[in-house]
Amino acid sequence: MGTEEPVVTGMGEALNTALETNIEASTIIEEFTAILPWVGVMVGAAFVIYEARKLIKGAGKGKVRV
């Protein structure tokens, strides 16, 4: 009953391979540097949205600052 090896295909195979490989500092740094530009874009977008909401909120009260 428990002697057969399960057949792994598709996403399961990729997950199995990822779990069996060693995680090294260089791999983590490579992945981090790959997403770093997107982090910068998200921080910039969050700042623009924050400032726009302040302008819209103050416009109804006559407190628009330019």
N, C-alpha and C. Protein backbone atom coordinates (compact mmCIF):
# COMPACT_ATOMS: atom_id res chain seq x y z
N MET A 1 0.81 -1.19 0.00
CA MET A 1 0.00 0.00 0.00
C MET A 1 0.86 1.26 0.00
N GLY A 2 1.92 1.34 0.72
CA GLY A 2 2.73 2.55 0.75
C GLY A 2 4.06 2.39 0.05
N THR A 3 4.19 1.37 -0.81
CA THR A 3 5.48 1.10 -1.45
C THR A 3 5.64 1.79 -2.78
N GLU A 4 4.58 2.27 -3.40
CA GLU A 4 4.68 2.91 -4.70
C GLU A 4 5.09 4.37 -4.56
N GLU A 5 5.95 4.81 -5.48
CA GLU A 5 6.35 6.22 -5.51
C GLU A 5 5.26 7.02 -6.18
N PRO A 6 4.87 8.16 -5.61
CA PRO A 6 3.84 8.98 -6.26
C PRO A 6 4.37 9.61 -7.54
N VAL A 7 3.52 9.75 -8.52
CA VAL A 7 3.88 10.39 -9.78
C VAL A 7 3.67 11.89 -9.62
N VAL A 8 4.75 12.64 -9.81
CA VAL A 8 4.70 14.08 -9.62
C VAL A 8 4.81 14.74 -10.98
N THR A 9 3.86 15.60 -11.31
CA THR A 9 3.89 16.29 -12.60
C THR A 9 3.54 17.75 -12.41
N GLY A 10 3.90 18.56 -13.39
CA GLY A 10 3.50 19.97 -13.40
C GLY A 10 4.04 20.77 -12.23
N MET A 11 3.14 21.48 -11.57
CA MET A 11 3.54 22.36 -10.48
C MET A 11 4.14 21.58 -9.32
N GLY A 12 3.66 20.38 -9.08
CA GLY A 12 4.19 19.56 -8.00
C GLY A 12 5.66 19.25 -8.21
N GLU A 13 6.03 19.00 -9.45
CA GLU A 13 7.43 18.70 -9.76
C GLU A 13 8.31 19.92 -9.52
N ALA A 14 7.85 21.08 -9.92
CA ALA A 14 8.62 22.31 -9.69
C ALA A 14 8.74 22.60 -8.20
N LEU A 15 7.68 22.36 -7.46
CA LEU A 15 7.73 22.59 -6.02
C LEU A 15 8.67 21.60 -5.36
N ASN A 16 8.63 20.36 -5.78
CA ASN A 16 9.51 19.35 -5.23
C ASN A 16 10.97 19.70 -5.49
N THR A 17 11.27 20.13 -6.69
CA THR A 17 12.64 20.53 -7.04
C THR A 17 13.08 21.73 -6.21
N ALA A 18 12.19 22.69 -6.03
CA ALA A 18 12.52 23.88 -5.26
C ALA A 18 12.78 23.54 -3.80
N LEU A 19 12.03 22.61 -3.26
CA LEU A 19 12.21 22.24 -1.87
C LEU A 19 13.47 21.41 -1.65
N GLU A 20 13.91 20.69 -2.68
CA GLU A 20 15.10 19.85 -2.55
C GLU A 20 16.39 20.62 -2.76
N THR A 21 16.36 21.76 -3.41
CA THR A 21 17.58 22.54 -3.66
C THR A 21 17.95 23.35 -2.43
N ASN A 22 19.21 23.63 -2.32
CA ASN A 22 19.69 24.42 -1.19
C ASN A 22 19.44 25.90 -1.43
N ILE A 23 19.05 26.58 -0.39
CA ILE A 23 18.86 28.03 -0.46
C ILE A 23 20.17 28.68 -0.02
N GLU A 24 20.71 29.52 -0.87
CA GLU A 24 21.98 30.18 -0.57
C GLU A 24 21.77 31.68 -0.54
N ALA A 25 22.69 32.36 0.10
CA ALA A 25 22.60 33.82 0.21
C ALA A 25 22.59 34.48 -1.16
N SER A 26 23.38 33.96 -2.09
CA SER A 26 23.44 34.56 -3.43
C SER A 26 22.09 34.44 -4.14
N THR A 27 21.39 33.33 -3.92
CA THR A 27 20.08 33.15 -4.53
C THR A 27 19.08 34.15 -3.97
N ILE A 28 19.11 34.36 -2.67
CA ILE A 28 18.21 35.31 -2.04
C ILE A 28 18.49 36.72 -2.54
N ILE A 29 19.77 37.07 -2.65
CA ILE A 29 20.14 38.41 -3.12
C ILE A 29 19.71 38.60 -4.58
N GLU A 30 19.85 37.59 -5.41
CA GLU A 30 19.42 37.68 -6.81
C GLU A 30 17.92 37.92 -6.91
N GLU A 31 17.15 37.19 -6.13
CA GLU A 31 15.69 37.37 -6.15
C GLU A 31 15.31 38.75 -5.63
N PHE A 32 15.99 39.22 -4.60
CA PHE A 32 15.69 40.53 -4.03
C PHE A 32 15.99 41.63 -5.03
N THR A 33 17.13 41.55 -5.69
CA THR A 33 17.47 42.58 -6.67
C THR A 33 16.53 42.53 -7.88
N ALA A 34 15.95 41.37 -8.16
CA ALA A 34 15.00 41.27 -9.27
C ALA A 34 13.70 42.01 -8.97
N ILE A 35 13.27 42.02 -7.69
CA ILE A 35 12.01 42.68 -7.35
C ILE A 35 12.20 44.11 -6.86
N LEU A 36 13.44 44.53 -6.65
CA LEU A 36 13.71 45.86 -6.11
C LEU A 36 13.12 47.00 -6.94
N PRO A 37 13.20 46.98 -8.28
CA PRO A 37 12.56 48.07 -9.03
C PRO A 37 11.06 48.16 -8.79
N TRP A 38 10.38 47.02 -8.65
CA TRP A 38 8.94 47.04 -8.39
C TRP A 38 8.63 47.60 -7.02
N VAL A 39 9.51 47.35 -6.06
CA VAL A 39 9.31 47.91 -4.72
C VAL A 39 9.38 49.44 -4.80
N GLY A 40 10.33 49.96 -5.56
CA GLY A 40 10.44 51.40 -5.75
C GLY A 40 9.22 52.00 -6.41
N VAL A 41 8.69 51.31 -7.40
CA VAL A 41 7.49 51.79 -8.09
C VAL A 41 6.31 51.81 -7.12
N MET A 42 6.16 50.78 -6.31
CA MET A 42 5.04 50.71 -5.37
C MET A 42 5.14 51.79 -4.30
N VAL A 43 6.33 52.07 -3.81
CA VAL A 43 6.51 53.12 -2.81
C VAL A 43 6.17 54.48 -3.43
N GLY A 44 6.63 54.71 -4.66
CA GLY A 44 6.32 55.96 -5.36
C GLY A 44 4.83 56.11 -5.60
N ALA A 45 4.17 55.04 -6.03
CA ALA A 45 2.73 55.09 -6.27
C ALA A 45 1.97 55.35 -4.98
N ALA A 46 2.40 54.72 -3.90
CA ALA A 46 1.73 54.93 -2.61
C ALA A 46 1.85 56.39 -2.17
N PHE A 47 3.01 57.00 -2.40
CA PHE A 47 3.20 58.40 -2.03
C PHE A 47 2.31 59.31 -2.86
N VAL A 48 2.22 59.05 -4.16
CA VAL A 48 1.37 59.86 -5.04
C VAL A 48 -0.09 59.74 -4.63
N ILE A 49 -0.54 58.53 -4.34
CA ILE A 49 -1.93 58.32 -3.91
C ILE A 49 -2.19 59.02 -2.59
N TYR A 50 -1.24 58.96 -1.67
CA TYR A 50 -1.37 59.63 -0.37
C TYR A 50 -1.54 61.13 -0.55
N GLU A 51 -0.68 61.73 -1.37
CA GLU A 51 -0.75 63.17 -1.59
C GLU A 51 -2.03 63.56 -2.32
N ALA A 52 -2.46 62.75 -3.30
CA ALA A 52 -3.69 63.05 -4.04
C ALA A 52 -4.90 62.99 -3.11
N ARG A 53 -4.92 62.04 -2.21
CA ARG A 53 -6.04 61.94 -1.27
C ARG A 53 -6.08 63.15 -0.34
N LYS A 54 -4.90 63.63 0.07
CA LYS A 54 -4.87 64.83 0.91
C LYS A 54 -5.43 66.03 0.16
N LEU A 55 -5.06 66.16 -1.13
CA LEU A 55 -5.56 67.29 -1.92
C LEU A 55 -7.07 67.21 -2.11
N ILE A 56 -7.56 66.02 -2.41
CA ILE A 56 -9.00 65.86 -2.63
C ILE A 56 -9.78 66.10 -1.34
N LYS A 57 -9.26 65.61 -0.23
CA LYS A 57 -9.94 65.77 1.04
C LYS A 57 -10.00 67.25 1.45
N GLY A 58 -8.91 67.98 1.22
CA GLY A 58 -8.87 69.38 1.59
C GLY A 58 -9.61 70.29 0.63
N ALA A 59 -9.86 69.83 -0.59
CA ALA A 59 -10.52 70.67 -1.59
C ALA A 59 -11.94 71.01 -1.18
N GLY A 60 -12.62 70.08 -0.55
CA GLY A 60 -14.01 70.33 -0.13
C GLY A 60 -14.09 71.32 1.01
N LYS A 61 -13.00 71.49 1.74
CA LYS A 61 -12.98 72.41 2.88
C LYS A 61 -12.29 73.73 2.54
N GLY A 62 -11.89 73.87 1.30
CA GLY A 62 -11.19 75.10 0.89
C GLY A 62 -9.77 75.18 1.41
N LYS A 63 -9.13 74.03 1.61
CA LYS A 63 -7.79 74.00 2.17
C LYS A 63 -6.79 73.43 1.17
N VAL A 64 -6.95 73.73 -0.09
CA VAL A 64 -6.05 73.18 -1.09
C VAL A 64 -4.70 73.87 -0.99
N ARG A 65 -3.67 73.02 -0.89
CA ARG A 65 -2.30 73.54 -0.86
C ARG A 65 -1.60 73.10 -2.12
N VAL A 66 -0.89 74.03 -2.73
CA VAL A 66 -0.20 73.69 -3.98
C VAL A 66 1.27 73.68 -3.73
